PDB file of all heavy atoms in Angstrom:
ATOM      1  N   LEU A   1     158.519 144.541  70.029  1.00  0.00           N
ATOM      2  CA  LEU A   1     157.901 144.799  71.313  1.00  0.00           C
ATOM      3  C   LEU A   1     158.265 143.642  72.319  1.00  0.00           C
ATOM      4  O   LEU A   1     158.386 142.521  71.846  1.00  0.00           O
ATOM      5  CB  LEU A   1     156.422 144.874  71.193  1.00  0.00           C
ATOM      6  CG  LEU A   1     155.851 146.036  70.449  1.00  0.00           C
ATOM      7  CD1 LEU A   1     154.283 145.845  70.275  1.00  0.00           C
ATOM      8  CD2 LEU A   1     156.084 147.300  71.179  1.00  0.00           C
ATOM      9  N   CYS A   2     158.215 143.909  73.612  1.00  0.00           N
ATOM     10  CA  CYS A   2     158.319 142.913  74.615  1.00  0.00           C
ATOM     11  C   CYS A   2     157.007 142.958  75.462  1.00  0.00           C
ATOM     12  O   CYS A   2     156.499 144.051  75.701  1.00  0.00           O
ATOM     13  CB  CYS A   2     159.452 143.146  75.567  1.00  0.00           C
ATOM     14  SG  CYS A   2     161.066 142.775  74.783  1.00  0.00           S
ATOM     15  N   PRO A   3     156.374 141.801  75.757  1.00  0.00           N
ATOM     16  CA  PRO A   3     155.046 141.807  76.365  1.00  0.00           C
ATOM     17  C   PRO A   3     155.001 142.217  77.875  1.00  0.00           C
ATOM     18  O   PRO A   3     153.965 142.221  78.440  1.00  0.00           O
ATOM     19  CB  PRO A   3     154.544 140.374  76.174  1.00  0.00           C
ATOM     20  CG  PRO A   3     155.816 139.612  76.064  1.00  0.00           C
ATOM     21  CD  PRO A   3     156.815 140.470  75.444  1.00  0.00           C
ATOM     22  N   SER A   4     156.168 142.520  78.460  1.00  0.00           N
ATOM     23  CA  SER A   4     156.187 142.825  79.856  1.00  0.00           C
ATOM     24  C   SER A   4     157.267 143.851  80.167  1.00  0.00           C
ATOM     25  O   SER A   4     158.342 143.837  79.557  1.00  0.00           O
ATOM     26  CB  SER A   4     156.390 141.580  80.640  1.00  0.00           C
ATOM     27  OG  SER A   4     156.919 141.807  81.940  1.00  0.00           O
ATOM     28  N   ALA A   5     157.030 144.692  81.170  1.00  0.00           N
ATOM     29  CA  ALA A   5     158.095 145.653  81.579  1.00  0.00           C
ATOM     30  C   ALA A   5     159.304 144.965  82.208  1.00  0.00           C
ATOM     31  O   ALA A   5     160.336 145.598  82.312  1.00  0.00           O
ATOM     32  CB  ALA A   5     157.427 146.642  82.564  1.00  0.00           C
ATOM     33  N   GLY A   6     159.152 143.762  82.617  1.00  0.00           N
ATOM     34  CA  GLY A   6     160.249 142.965  83.145  1.00  0.00           C
ATOM     35  C   GLY A   6     161.118 142.275  82.125  1.00  0.00           C
ATOM     36  O   GLY A   6     161.975 141.460  82.416  1.00  0.00           O
ATOM     37  N   LEU A   7     160.845 142.610  80.829  1.00  0.00           N
ATOM     38  CA  LEU A   7     161.614 142.061  79.703  1.00  0.00           C
ATOM     39  C   LEU A   7     162.197 143.221  78.930  1.00  0.00           C
ATOM     40  O   LEU A   7     161.569 144.304  78.844  1.00  0.00           O
ATOM     41  CB  LEU A   7     160.723 141.164  78.800  1.00  0.00           C
ATOM     42  CG  LEU A   7     160.097 139.990  79.315  1.00  0.00           C
ATOM     43  CD1 LEU A   7     159.086 139.356  78.344  1.00  0.00           C
ATOM     44  CD2 LEU A   7     161.117 138.913  79.687  1.00  0.00           C
ATOM     45  N   GLN A   8     163.310 143.010  78.370  1.00  0.00           N
ATOM     46  CA  GLN A   8     163.911 144.099  77.495  1.00  0.00           C
ATOM     47  C   GLN A   8     164.402 143.499  76.201  1.00  0.00           C
ATOM     48  O   GLN A   8     164.725 142.328  76.135  1.00  0.00           O
ATOM     49  CB  GLN A   8     165.015 144.813  78.235  1.00  0.00           C
ATOM     50  CG  GLN A   8     166.225 143.901  78.551  1.00  0.00           C
ATOM     51  CD  GLN A   8     167.235 144.583  79.403  1.00  0.00           C
ATOM     52  OE1 GLN A   8     166.992 145.642  79.905  1.00  0.00           O
ATOM     53  NE2 GLN A   8     168.457 143.952  79.513  1.00  0.00           N
ATOM     54  N   LEU A   9     164.441 144.348  75.166  1.00  0.00           N
ATOM     55  CA  LEU A   9     165.002 143.840  73.887  1.00  0.00           C
ATOM     56  C   LEU A   9     166.406 143.454  74.010  1.00  0.00           C
ATOM     57  O   LEU A   9     167.222 144.202  74.598  1.00  0.00           O
ATOM     58  CB  LEU A   9     164.810 144.910  72.768  1.00  0.00           C
ATOM     59  CG  LEU A   9     163.424 145.069  72.181  1.00  0.00           C
ATOM     60  CD1 LEU A   9     163.309 146.221  71.211  1.00  0.00           C
ATOM     61  CD2 LEU A   9     163.034 143.788  71.423  1.00  0.00           C
ATOM     62  N   GLY A  10     166.734 142.270  73.428  1.00  0.00           N
ATOM     63  CA  GLY A  10     168.123 141.862  73.503  1.00  0.00           C
ATOM     64  C   GLY A  10     169.019 142.611  72.519  1.00  0.00           C
ATOM     65  O   GLY A  10     168.486 143.476  71.754  1.00  0.00           O
ATOM     66  N   PRO A  11     170.315 142.334  72.496  1.00  0.00           N
ATOM     67  CA  PRO A  11     171.246 143.060  71.618  1.00  0.00           C
ATOM     68  C   PRO A  11     170.831 143.031  70.142  1.00  0.00           C
ATOM     69  O   PRO A  11     171.115 143.997  69.455  1.00  0.00           O
ATOM     70  CB  PRO A  11     172.595 142.339  71.840  1.00  0.00           C
ATOM     71  CG  PRO A  11     172.407 141.591  73.122  1.00  0.00           C
ATOM     72  CD  PRO A  11     170.984 141.291  73.266  1.00  0.00           C
ATOM     73  N   ASN A  12     170.100 142.004  69.712  1.00  0.00           N
ATOM     74  CA  ASN A  12     169.779 141.882  68.316  1.00  0.00           C
ATOM     75  C   ASN A  12     168.519 142.729  67.976  1.00  0.00           C
ATOM     76  O   ASN A  12     168.130 142.851  66.806  1.00  0.00           O
ATOM     77  CB  ASN A  12     169.541 140.398  67.833  1.00  0.00           C
ATOM     78  CG  ASN A  12     168.403 139.769  68.640  1.00  0.00           C
ATOM     79  OD1 ASN A  12     167.616 140.424  69.300  1.00  0.00           O
ATOM     80  ND2 ASN A  12     168.240 138.493  68.460  1.00  0.00           N
ATOM     81  N   GLY A  13     167.898 143.318  68.967  1.00  0.00           N
ATOM     82  CA  GLY A  13     166.699 144.182  68.730  1.00  0.00           C
ATOM     83  C   GLY A  13     165.467 143.423  68.315  1.00  0.00           C
ATOM     84  O   GLY A  13     164.462 144.012  67.988  1.00  0.00           O
ATOM     85  N   ARG A  14     165.516 142.036  68.397  1.00  0.00           N
ATOM     86  CA  ARG A  14     164.364 141.244  67.957  1.00  0.00           C
ATOM     87  C   ARG A  14     163.784 140.294  69.065  1.00  0.00           C
ATOM     88  O   ARG A  14     162.616 140.081  69.098  1.00  0.00           O
ATOM     89  CB  ARG A  14     164.742 140.405  66.772  1.00  0.00           C
ATOM     90  CG  ARG A  14     165.055 141.194  65.489  1.00  0.00           C
ATOM     91  CD  ARG A  14     165.098 140.321  64.249  1.00  0.00           C
ATOM     92  NE  ARG A  14     165.921 139.183  64.355  1.00  0.00           N
ATOM     93  CZ  ARG A  14     167.237 139.181  64.039  1.00  0.00           C
ATOM     94  NH1 ARG A  14     167.755 140.260  63.604  1.00  0.00           N
ATOM     95  NH2 ARG A  14     167.963 138.061  64.132  1.00  0.00           N
ATOM     96  N   THR A  15     164.694 139.770  69.936  1.00  0.00           N
ATOM     97  CA  THR A  15     164.212 138.848  70.942  1.00  0.00           C
ATOM     98  C   THR A  15     164.229 139.606  72.312  1.00  0.00           C
ATOM     99  O   THR A  15     164.916 140.592  72.460  1.00  0.00           O
ATOM    100  CB  THR A  15     165.211 137.645  71.045  1.00  0.00           C
ATOM    101  OG1 THR A  15     166.479 138.104  71.220  1.00  0.00           O
ATOM    102  CG2 THR A  15     165.074 136.772  69.841  1.00  0.00           C
ATOM    103  N   CYS A  16     163.410 139.080  73.223  1.00  0.00           N
ATOM    104  CA  CYS A  16     163.296 139.691  74.539  1.00  0.00           C
ATOM    105  C   CYS A  16     164.025 138.855  75.561  1.00  0.00           C
ATOM    106  O   CYS A  16     163.950 137.623  75.618  1.00  0.00           O
ATOM    107  CB  CYS A  16     161.841 139.784  74.918  1.00  0.00           C
ATOM    108  SG  CYS A  16     160.901 140.858  73.818  1.00  0.00           S
ATOM    109  N   ILE A  17     164.791 139.598  76.445  1.00  0.00           N
ATOM    110  CA  ILE A  17     165.492 138.908  77.540  1.00  0.00           C
ATOM    111  C   ILE A  17     164.996 139.402  78.859  1.00  0.00           C
ATOM    112  O   ILE A  17     164.515 140.544  78.987  1.00  0.00           O
ATOM    113  CB  ILE A  17     167.047 139.062  77.377  1.00  0.00           C
ATOM    114  CG1 ILE A  17     167.410 140.546  77.299  1.00  0.00           C
ATOM    115  CG2 ILE A  17     167.639 138.295  76.210  1.00  0.00           C
ATOM    116  CD1 ILE A  17     168.910 140.838  77.297  1.00  0.00           C
ATOM    117  N   ASP A  18     165.052 138.531  79.840  1.00  0.00           N
ATOM    118  CA  ASP A  18     164.567 138.840  81.228  1.00  0.00           C
ATOM    119  C   ASP A  18     165.434 139.870  81.890  1.00  0.00           C
ATOM    120  O   ASP A  18     166.664 139.853  81.779  1.00  0.00           O
ATOM    121  CB  ASP A  18     164.519 137.570  82.035  1.00  0.00           C
ATOM    122  CG  ASP A  18     164.024 137.760  83.405  1.00  0.00           C
ATOM    123  OD1 ASP A  18     162.970 138.413  83.566  1.00  0.00           O
ATOM    124  OD2 ASP A  18     164.720 137.377  84.396  1.00  0.00           O
ATOM    125  N   ILE A  19     164.739 140.770  82.650  1.00  0.00           N
ATOM    126  CA  ILE A  19     165.467 141.724  83.465  1.00  0.00           C
ATOM    127  C   ILE A  19     165.333 141.143  84.927  1.00  0.00           C
ATOM    128  O   ILE A  19     164.231 140.862  85.326  1.00  0.00           O
ATOM    129  CB  ILE A  19     164.799 143.116  83.473  1.00  0.00           C
ATOM    130  CG1 ILE A  19     164.827 143.755  82.062  1.00  0.00           C
ATOM    131  CG2 ILE A  19     165.441 144.033  84.492  1.00  0.00           C
ATOM    132  CD1 ILE A  19     163.979 144.978  81.920  1.00  0.00           C
ATOM    133  N   ASP A  20     166.523 140.968  85.532  1.00  0.00           N
ATOM    134  CA  ASP A  20     166.501 140.408  86.908  1.00  0.00           C
ATOM    135  C   ASP A  20     166.286 141.627  87.858  1.00  0.00           C
ATOM    136  O   ASP A  20     167.264 142.297  88.226  1.00  0.00           O
ATOM    137  CB  ASP A  20     167.811 139.652  87.247  1.00  0.00           C
ATOM    138  CG  ASP A  20     167.753 139.015  88.623  1.00  0.00           C
ATOM    139  OD1 ASP A  20     166.923 139.369  89.424  1.00  0.00           O
ATOM    140  OD2 ASP A  20     168.610 138.108  88.847  1.00  0.00           O
ATOM    141  N   GLU A  21     165.017 141.861  88.228  1.00  0.00           N
ATOM    142  CA  GLU A  21     164.735 142.980  89.079  1.00  0.00           C
ATOM    143  C   GLU A  21     165.389 142.899  90.428  1.00  0.00           C
ATOM    144  O   GLU A  21     165.655 143.930  91.116  1.00  0.00           O
ATOM    145  CB  GLU A  21     163.143 143.164  89.232  1.00  0.00           C
ATOM    146  CG  GLU A  21     162.459 143.542  88.089  1.00  0.00           C
ATOM    147  CD  GLU A  21     161.976 142.392  87.198  1.00  0.00           C
ATOM    148  OE1 GLU A  21     162.426 141.199  87.449  1.00  0.00           O
ATOM    149  OE2 GLU A  21     161.153 142.581  86.260  1.00  0.00           O
ATOM    150  N   CYS A  22     165.630 141.638  90.899  1.00  0.00           N
ATOM    151  CA  CYS A  22     166.239 141.506  92.248  1.00  0.00           C
ATOM    152  C   CYS A  22     167.687 141.929  92.281  1.00  0.00           C
ATOM    153  O   CYS A  22     168.054 142.567  93.274  1.00  0.00           O
ATOM    154  CB  CYS A  22     166.149 139.991  92.595  1.00  0.00           C
ATOM    155  SG  CYS A  22     164.449 139.328  92.578  1.00  0.00           S
ATOM    156  N   SER A  23     168.429 141.688  91.210  1.00  0.00           N
ATOM    157  CA  SER A  23     169.847 142.076  91.251  1.00  0.00           C
ATOM    158  C   SER A  23     170.037 143.494  90.736  1.00  0.00           C
ATOM    159  O   SER A  23     171.049 144.197  91.135  1.00  0.00           O
ATOM    160  CB  SER A  23     170.646 141.121  90.465  1.00  0.00           C
ATOM    161  OG  SER A  23     170.285 141.179  89.075  1.00  0.00           O
ATOM    162  N   THR A  24     169.131 144.046  89.977  1.00  0.00           N
ATOM    163  CA  THR A  24     169.279 145.420  89.414  1.00  0.00           C
ATOM    164  C   THR A  24     168.723 146.413  90.415  1.00  0.00           C
ATOM    165  O   THR A  24     168.981 147.652  90.284  1.00  0.00           O
ATOM    166  CB  THR A  24     168.572 145.587  88.072  1.00  0.00           C
ATOM    167  OG1 THR A  24     167.157 145.334  88.261  1.00  0.00           O
ATOM    168  CG2 THR A  24     169.131 144.787  87.002  1.00  0.00           C
ATOM    169  N   GLY A  25     168.033 146.029  91.505  1.00  0.00           N
ATOM    170  CA  GLY A  25     167.519 146.943  92.481  1.00  0.00           C
ATOM    171  C   GLY A  25     166.228 147.568  92.072  1.00  0.00           C
ATOM    172  O   GLY A  25     165.748 148.501  92.743  1.00  0.00           O
ATOM    173  N   ARG A  26     165.567 147.146  90.976  1.00  0.00           N
ATOM    174  CA  ARG A  26     164.298 147.670  90.544  1.00  0.00           C
ATOM    175  C   ARG A  26     163.152 147.116  91.413  1.00  0.00           C
ATOM    176  O   ARG A  26     162.065 147.733  91.453  1.00  0.00           O
ATOM    177  CB  ARG A  26     164.054 147.321  89.034  1.00  0.00           C
ATOM    178  CG  ARG A  26     164.757 148.306  88.151  1.00  0.00           C
ATOM    179  CD  ARG A  26     164.750 147.812  86.710  1.00  0.00           C
ATOM    180  NE  ARG A  26     163.402 147.811  86.147  1.00  0.00           N
ATOM    181  CZ  ARG A  26     163.148 147.691  84.834  1.00  0.00           C
ATOM    182  NH1 ARG A  26     164.191 147.610  83.946  1.00  0.00           N
ATOM    183  NH2 ARG A  26     161.927 147.591  84.369  1.00  0.00           N
ATOM    184  N   ALA A  27     163.370 146.004  92.053  1.00  0.00           N
ATOM    185  CA  ALA A  27     162.317 145.330  92.857  1.00  0.00           C
ATOM    186  C   ALA A  27     162.208 146.105  94.190  1.00  0.00           C
ATOM    187  O   ALA A  27     163.165 146.531  94.778  1.00  0.00           O
ATOM    188  CB  ALA A  27     162.683 143.927  93.106  1.00  0.00           C
ATOM    189  N   VAL A  28     160.930 146.205  94.678  1.00  0.00           N
ATOM    190  CA  VAL A  28     160.676 146.845  95.942  1.00  0.00           C
ATOM    191  C   VAL A  28     160.041 145.803  96.798  1.00  0.00           C
ATOM    192  O   VAL A  28     158.872 145.460  96.628  1.00  0.00           O
ATOM    193  CB  VAL A  28     159.812 148.130  95.855  1.00  0.00           C
ATOM    194  CG1 VAL A  28     159.617 148.783  97.201  1.00  0.00           C
ATOM    195  CG2 VAL A  28     160.432 149.104  94.872  1.00  0.00           C
ATOM    196  N   CYS A  29     160.778 145.257  97.839  1.00  0.00           N
ATOM    197  CA  CYS A  29     160.290 144.321  98.799  1.00  0.00           C
ATOM    198  C   CYS A  29     160.481 144.914 100.213  1.00  0.00           C
ATOM    199  O   CYS A  29     161.550 145.513 100.421  1.00  0.00           O
ATOM    200  CB  CYS A  29     160.945 142.991  98.729  1.00  0.00           C
ATOM    201  SG  CYS A  29     160.629 142.068  97.161  1.00  0.00           S
ATOM    202  N   SER A  30     159.566 144.701 101.106  1.00  0.00           N
ATOM    203  CA  SER A  30     159.731 145.198 102.484  1.00  0.00           C
ATOM    204  C   SER A  30     160.847 144.439 103.174  1.00  0.00           C
ATOM    205  O   SER A  30     161.225 143.370 102.734  1.00  0.00           O
ATOM    206  CB  SER A  30     158.383 145.160 103.287  1.00  0.00           C
ATOM    207  OG  SER A  30     157.917 143.824 103.259  1.00  0.00           O
ATOM    208  N   PHE A  31     161.291 144.989 104.301  1.00  0.00           N
ATOM    209  CA  PHE A  31     162.462 144.423 104.986  1.00  0.00           C
ATOM    210  C   PHE A  31     162.402 142.946 105.336  1.00  0.00           C
ATOM    211  O   PHE A  31     163.414 142.239 105.287  1.00  0.00           O
ATOM    212  CB  PHE A  31     162.734 145.258 106.267  1.00  0.00           C
ATOM    213  CG  PHE A  31     161.931 144.892 107.457  1.00  0.00           C
ATOM    214  CD1 PHE A  31     162.407 144.038 108.392  1.00  0.00           C
ATOM    215  CD2 PHE A  31     160.676 145.335 107.564  1.00  0.00           C
ATOM    216  CE1 PHE A  31     161.663 143.619 109.521  1.00  0.00           C
ATOM    217  CE2 PHE A  31     159.843 144.984 108.656  1.00  0.00           C
ATOM    218  CZ  PHE A  31     160.318 144.091 109.630  1.00  0.00           C
ATOM    219  N   ASN A  32     161.163 142.460 105.662  1.00  0.00           N
ATOM    220  CA  ASN A  32     161.095 141.010 106.002  1.00  0.00           C
ATOM    221  C   ASN A  32     160.722 140.117 104.836  1.00  0.00           C
ATOM    222  O   ASN A  32     160.320 138.981 105.053  1.00  0.00           O
ATOM    223  CB  ASN A  32     160.141 140.830 107.154  1.00  0.00           C
ATOM    224  CG  ASN A  32     158.690 141.456 106.865  1.00  0.00           C
ATOM    225  OD1 ASN A  32     158.498 141.974 105.758  1.00  0.00           O
ATOM    226  ND2 ASN A  32     157.841 141.434 107.834  1.00  0.00           N
ATOM    227  N   ARG A  33     160.886 140.682 103.628  1.00  0.00           N
ATOM    228  CA  ARG A  33     160.668 139.841 102.408  1.00  0.00           C
ATOM    229  C   ARG A  33     161.836 139.849 101.494  1.00  0.00           C
ATOM    230  O   ARG A  33     162.575 140.804 101.456  1.00  0.00           O
ATOM    231  CB  ARG A  33     159.433 140.411 101.631  1.00  0.00           C
ATOM    232  CG  ARG A  33     158.091 140.227 102.426  1.00  0.00           C
ATOM    233  CD  ARG A  33     156.976 140.883 101.687  1.00  0.00           C
ATOM    234  NE  ARG A  33     155.741 140.893 102.510  1.00  0.00           N
ATOM    235  CZ  ARG A  33     154.633 140.291 102.220  1.00  0.00           C
ATOM    236  NH1 ARG A  33     154.534 139.684 101.141  1.00  0.00           N
ATOM    237  NH2 ARG A  33     153.624 140.332 103.002  1.00  0.00           N
ATOM    238  N   ARG A  34     162.028 138.710 100.754  1.00  0.00           N
ATOM    239  CA  ARG A  34     163.116 138.634  99.835  1.00  0.00           C
ATOM    240  C   ARG A  34     162.576 138.562  98.450  1.00  0.00           C
ATOM    241  O   ARG A  34     161.406 138.033  98.203  1.00  0.00           O
ATOM    242  CB  ARG A  34     164.061 137.489 100.195  1.00  0.00           C
ATOM    243  CG  ARG A  34     163.385 136.137 100.172  1.00  0.00           C
ATOM    244  CD  ARG A  34     164.242 135.019 100.873  1.00  0.00           C
ATOM    245  NE  ARG A  34     163.422 133.888 101.232  1.00  0.00           N
ATOM    246  CZ  ARG A  34     163.468 132.733 100.626  1.00  0.00           C
ATOM    247  NH1 ARG A  34     164.285 132.533  99.669  1.00  0.00           N
ATOM    248  NH2 ARG A  34     162.734 131.767 101.033  1.00  0.00           N
ATOM    249  N   CYS A  35     163.374 139.015  97.465  1.00  0.00           N
ATOM    250  CA  CYS A  35     162.889 139.089  96.099  1.00  0.00           C
ATOM    251  C   CYS A  35     163.199 137.807  95.406  1.00  0.00           C
ATOM    252  O   CYS A  35     164.322 137.219  95.547  1.00  0.00           O
ATOM    253  CB  CYS A  35     163.746 140.268  95.418  1.00  0.00           C
ATOM    254  SG  CYS A  35     163.300 140.496  93.733  1.00  0.00           S
ATOM    255  N   VAL A  36     162.259 137.327  94.646  1.00  0.00           N
ATOM    256  CA  VAL A  36     162.428 136.129  93.747  1.00  0.00           C
ATOM    257  C   VAL A  36     162.182 136.553  92.304  1.00  0.00           C
ATOM    258  O   VAL A  36     161.024 137.020  91.975  1.00  0.00           O
ATOM    259  CB  VAL A  36     161.434 135.000  94.198  1.00  0.00           C
ATOM    260  CG1 VAL A  36     161.662 133.820  93.335  1.00  0.00           C
ATOM    261  CG2 VAL A  36     161.692 134.649  95.626  1.00  0.00           C
ATOM    262  N   ASN A  37     163.162 136.376  91.452  1.00  0.00           N
ATOM    263  CA  ASN A  37     162.989 136.762  90.007  1.00  0.00           C
ATOM    264  C   ASN A  37     162.215 135.744  89.269  1.00  0.00           C
ATOM    265  O   ASN A  37     162.392 134.580  89.513  1.00  0.00           O
ATOM    266  CB  ASN A  37     164.397 136.981  89.413  1.00  0.00           C
ATOM    267  CG  ASN A  37     164.327 137.510  87.988  1.00  0.00           C
ATOM    268  OD1 ASN A  37     163.641 138.511  87.744  1.00  0.00           O
ATOM    269  ND2 ASN A  37     164.943 136.869  87.105  1.00  0.00           N
ATOM    270  N   THR A  38     161.388 136.241  88.358  1.00  0.00           N
ATOM    271  CA  THR A  38     160.646 135.302  87.455  1.00  0.00           C
ATOM    272  C   THR A  38     160.843 135.863  86.026  1.00  0.00           C
ATOM    273  O   THR A  38     161.325 136.970  85.880  1.00  0.00           O
ATOM    274  CB  THR A  38     159.143 135.258  87.749  1.00  0.00           C
ATOM    275  OG1 THR A  38     158.625 136.574  87.573  1.00  0.00           O
ATOM    276  CG2 THR A  38     158.852 134.777  89.164  1.00  0.00           C
ATOM    277  N   PHE A  39     160.490 135.077  85.019  1.00  0.00           N
ATOM    278  CA  PHE A  39     160.622 135.538  83.643  1.00  0.00           C
ATOM    279  C   PHE A  39     159.674 136.682  83.370  1.00  0.00           C
ATOM    280  O   PHE A  39     158.464 136.505  83.460  1.00  0.00           O
ATOM    281  CB  PHE A  39     160.455 134.440  82.649  1.00  0.00           C
ATOM    282  CG  PHE A  39     160.686 134.794  81.254  1.00  0.00           C
ATOM    283  CD1 PHE A  39     162.002 135.021  80.781  1.00  0.00           C
ATOM    284  CD2 PHE A  39     159.644 135.063  80.328  1.00  0.00           C
ATOM    285  CE1 PHE A  39     162.191 135.416  79.450  1.00  0.00           C
ATOM    286  CE2 PHE A  39     159.865 135.459  79.056  1.00  0.00           C
ATOM    287  CZ  PHE A  39     161.131 135.605  78.595  1.00  0.00           C
ATOM    288  N   GLY A  40     160.210 137.854  83.199  1.00  0.00           N
ATOM    289  CA  GLY A  40     159.342 139.039  82.914  1.00  0.00           C
ATOM    290  C   GLY A  40     158.846 139.813  84.156  1.00  0.00           C
ATOM    291  O   GLY A  40     158.193 140.814  83.995  1.00  0.00           O
ATOM    292  N   SER A  41     159.131 139.255  85.324  1.00  0.00           N
ATOM    293  CA  SER A  41     158.648 139.970  86.538  1.00  0.00           C
ATOM    294  C   SER A  41     159.441 139.467  87.773  1.00  0.00           C
ATOM    295  O   SER A  41     160.533 138.939  87.651  1.00  0.00           O
ATOM    296  CB  SER A  41     157.152 139.659  86.726  1.00  0.00           C
ATOM    297  OG  SER A  41     156.611 140.509  87.711  1.00  0.00           O
ATOM    298  N   TYR A  42     158.833 139.637  88.949  1.00  0.00           N
ATOM    299  CA  TYR A  42     159.385 139.193  90.239  1.00  0.00           C
ATOM    300  C   TYR A  42     158.259 139.188  91.265  1.00  0.00           C
ATOM    301  O   TYR A  42     157.173 139.698  91.069  1.00  0.00           O
ATOM    302  CB  TYR A  42     160.527 140.118  90.705  1.00  0.00           C
ATOM    303  CG  TYR A  42     160.075 141.483  91.237  1.00  0.00           C
ATOM    304  CD1 TYR A  42     159.865 141.663  92.565  1.00  0.00           C
ATOM    305  CD2 TYR A  42     159.804 142.512  90.352  1.00  0.00           C
ATOM    306  CE1 TYR A  42     159.365 142.846  93.034  1.00  0.00           C
ATOM    307  CE2 TYR A  42     159.313 143.720  90.853  1.00  0.00           C
ATOM    308  CZ  TYR A  42     159.128 143.887  92.170  1.00  0.00           C
ATOM    309  OH  TYR A  42     158.636 145.114  92.669  1.00  0.00           O
ATOM    310  N   TYR A  43     158.517 138.539  92.400  1.00  0.00           N
ATOM    311  CA  TYR A  43     157.569 138.590  93.508  1.00  0.00           C
ATOM    312  C   TYR A  43     158.396 138.596  94.801  1.00  0.00           C
ATOM    313  O   TYR A  43     159.596 138.260  94.780  1.00  0.00           O
ATOM    314  CB  TYR A  43     156.563 137.475  93.505  1.00  0.00           C
ATOM    315  CG  TYR A  43     157.076 136.061  93.690  1.00  0.00           C
ATOM    316  CD1 TYR A  43     157.074 135.463  94.912  1.00  0.00           C
ATOM    317  CD2 TYR A  43     157.588 135.336  92.646  1.00  0.00           C
ATOM    318  CE1 TYR A  43     157.541 134.170  95.142  1.00  0.00           C
ATOM    319  CE2 TYR A  43     158.051 134.001  92.787  1.00  0.00           C
ATOM    320  CZ  TYR A  43     158.029 133.442  94.060  1.00  0.00           C
ATOM    321  OH  TYR A  43     158.510 132.177  94.303  1.00  0.00           O
ATOM    322  N   CYS A  44     157.723 139.001  95.883  1.00  0.00           N
ATOM    323  CA  CYS A  44     158.380 139.150  97.208  1.00  0.00           C
ATOM    324  C   CYS A  44     157.946 138.003  98.094  1.00  0.00           C
ATOM    325  O   CYS A  44     156.742 137.785  98.267  1.00  0.00           O
ATOM    326  CB  CYS A  44     158.049 140.477  97.846  1.00  0.00           C
ATOM    327  SG  CYS A  44     158.603 141.864  96.883  1.00  0.00           S
TER     328      CYS A  44
END
């Protein structure tokens, strides 16, 4: 398991790696805000 939706299982199926929501386009920020990636999440 990974403790956050912003983390995904790595290739080995045991460790969790960060998903960069800012570069994958999963983040939703309004036009006058920019996305900042954090480990396991992001903020605008």
